[in-house]
Amino acid sequence: MPEIKIVTEVAGRICATPVQVGGTVADGDEIVVIEAMKMEIPVPSPAAGTLTSLLVGIDDLVAEGQAIAIVAS
């Protein structure tokens, strides 16, 4: 299975992680939600598969372009 590294396009604070490691995701499902500029910005999965690694946790600060999760498709 190819692994896809998911990166964030915005800097902010992780406010939700709706999928647990080992969970299945569909193309477009929210992997994490980032709070930035008083808005909640979902980060979607780019492909269907299994979330194999979550590289961030609730309240972690992330930078633009930072890897936040890995999905095996």
C-alpha atoms as a PDB file:
ATOM      1  CA  MET A   1       0.000   0.000   0.000  1.00  0.00           C
ATOM      2  CA  PRO A   2       1.393   3.415  -0.905  1.00  0.00           C
ATOM      3  CA  GLU A   3       1.580   5.910   1.953  1.00  0.00           C
ATOM      4  CA  ILE A   4       0.439   9.488   1.500  1.00  0.00           C
ATOM      5  CA  LYS A   5       1.834  12.186   3.787  1.00  0.00           C
ATOM      6  CA  ILE A   6      -0.782  14.824   4.558  1.00  0.00           C
ATOM      7  CA  VAL A   7       0.474  18.376   5.089  1.00  0.00           C
ATOM      8  CA  THR A   8      -1.351  21.445   6.287  1.00  0.00           C
ATOM      9  CA  GLU A   9      -1.752  24.520   4.118  1.00  0.00           C
ATOM     10  CA  VAL A  10      -2.266  26.866   7.075  1.00  0.00           C
ATOM     11  CA  ALA A  11      -0.558  27.572  10.383  1.00  0.00           C
ATOM     12  CA  GLY A  12      -2.649  27.266  13.514  1.00  0.00           C
ATOM     13  CA  ARG A  13      -3.671  25.088  16.458  1.00  0.00           C
ATOM     14  CA  ILE A  14      -5.069  21.557  16.200  1.00  0.00           C
ATOM     15  CA  CYS A  15      -8.568  21.669  17.708  1.00  0.00           C
ATOM     16  CA  ALA A  16      -9.964  18.263  16.652  1.00  0.00           C
ATOM     17  CA  THR A  17      -8.807  14.875  15.379  1.00  0.00           C
ATOM     18  CA  PRO A  18     -12.016  13.128  14.269  1.00  0.00           C
ATOM     19  CA  VAL A  19     -10.259   9.977  12.999  1.00  0.00           C
ATOM     20  CA  GLN A  20      -8.213   7.675  15.230  1.00  0.00           C
ATOM     21  CA  VAL A  21      -5.067   5.851  14.067  1.00  0.00           C
ATOM     22  CA  GLY A  22      -6.147   2.621  12.398  1.00  0.00           C
ATOM     23  CA  GLY A  23      -9.456   4.122  11.286  1.00  0.00           C
ATOM     24  CA  THR A  24     -10.571   4.060   7.677  1.00  0.00           C
ATOM     25  CA  VAL A  25     -11.106   7.256   5.731  1.00  0.00           C
ATOM     26  CA  ALA A  26     -12.770   8.074   2.430  1.00  0.00           C
ATOM     27  CA  ASP A  27     -11.414  10.574  -0.064  1.00  0.00           C
ATOM     28  CA  GLY A  28     -12.257  13.998   1.402  1.00  0.00           C
ATOM     29  CA  ASP A  29     -12.898  12.883   5.013  1.00  0.00           C
ATOM     30  CA  GLU A  30     -11.588  15.264   7.675  1.00  0.00           C
ATOM     31  CA  ILE A  31      -8.350  14.030   9.250  1.00  0.00           C
ATOM     32  CA  VAL A  32      -7.803  17.001  11.588  1.00  0.00           C
ATOM     33  CA  VAL A  33      -9.331  20.419  12.174  1.00  0.00           C
ATOM     34  CA  ILE A  34      -7.064  23.448  12.572  1.00  0.00           C
ATOM     35  CA  GLU A  35      -8.101  26.655  14.297  1.00  0.00           C
ATOM     36  CA  ALA A  36      -6.586  29.645  12.517  1.00  0.00           C
ATOM     37  CA  MET A  37      -7.687  33.283  12.470  1.00  0.00           C
ATOM     38  CA  LYS A  38     -10.752  32.405  14.611  1.00  0.00           C
ATOM     39  CA  MET A  39     -11.918  29.894  11.974  1.00  0.00           C
ATOM     40  CA  GLU A  40     -11.945  26.100  12.006  1.00  0.00           C
ATOM     41  CA  ILE A  41     -10.282  24.731   8.884  1.00  0.00           C
ATOM     42  CA  PRO A  42     -10.663  21.010   8.132  1.00  0.00           C
ATOM     43  CA  VAL A  43      -7.761  19.112   6.555  1.00  0.00           C
ATOM     44  CA  PRO A  44      -9.197  16.399   4.269  1.00  0.00           C
ATOM     45  CA  SER A  45      -7.733  13.055   3.300  1.00  0.00           C
ATOM     46  CA  PRO A  46      -6.537  13.142  -0.324  1.00  0.00           C
ATOM     47  CA  ALA A  47      -7.443   9.460  -0.831  1.00  0.00           C
ATOM     48  CA  ALA A  48      -9.395   6.593   0.680  1.00  0.00           C
ATOM     49  CA  GLY A  49      -7.469   4.269   2.965  1.00  0.00           C
ATOM     50  CA  THR A  50      -6.366   3.750   6.564  1.00  0.00           C
ATOM     51  CA  LEU A  51      -4.946   6.411   8.872  1.00  0.00           C
ATOM     52  CA  THR A  52      -1.621   4.818   9.834  1.00  0.00           C
ATOM     53  CA  SER A  53      -0.069   7.712  11.743  1.00  0.00           C
ATOM     54  CA  LEU A  54      -1.271  10.930  13.341  1.00  0.00           C
ATOM     55  CA  LEU A  55       1.724  13.233  13.814  1.00  0.00           C
ATOM     56  CA  VAL A  56      -0.088  15.907  15.850  1.00  0.00           C
ATOM     57  CA  GLY A  57      -2.394  16.084  18.848  1.00  0.00           C
ATOM     58  CA  ILE A  58      -5.043  18.393  20.243  1.00  0.00           C
ATOM     59  CA  ASP A  59      -3.665  21.889  21.043  1.00  0.00           C
ATOM     60  CA  ASP A  60      -0.443  21.321  19.046  1.00  0.00           C
ATOM     61  CA  LEU A  61       0.677  24.326  17.011  1.00  0.00           C
ATOM     62  CA  VAL A  62       1.424  23.566  13.361  1.00  0.00           C
ATOM     63  CA  ALA A  63       3.213  25.506  10.646  1.00  0.00           C
ATOM     64  CA  GLU A  64       2.196  25.854   7.018  1.00  0.00           C
ATOM     65  CA  GLY A  65       3.500  22.840   5.076  1.00  0.00           C
ATOM     66  CA  GLN A  66       3.989  20.680   8.195  1.00  0.00           C
ATOM     67  CA  ALA A  67       3.231  16.949   7.920  1.00  0.00           C
ATOM     68  CA  ILE A  68       0.302  16.081  10.181  1.00  0.00           C
ATOM     69  CA  ALA A  69      -0.748  12.530   9.232  1.00  0.00           C
ATOM     70  CA  ILE A  70      -0.044   9.534   7.031  1.00  0.00           C
ATOM     71  CA  VAL A  71      -2.726   7.582   5.142  1.00  0.00           C
ATOM     72  CA  ALA A  72      -2.082   4.231   3.472  1.00  0.00           C
ATOM     73  CA  SER A  73      -4.255   3.886   0.376  1.00  0.00           C
END
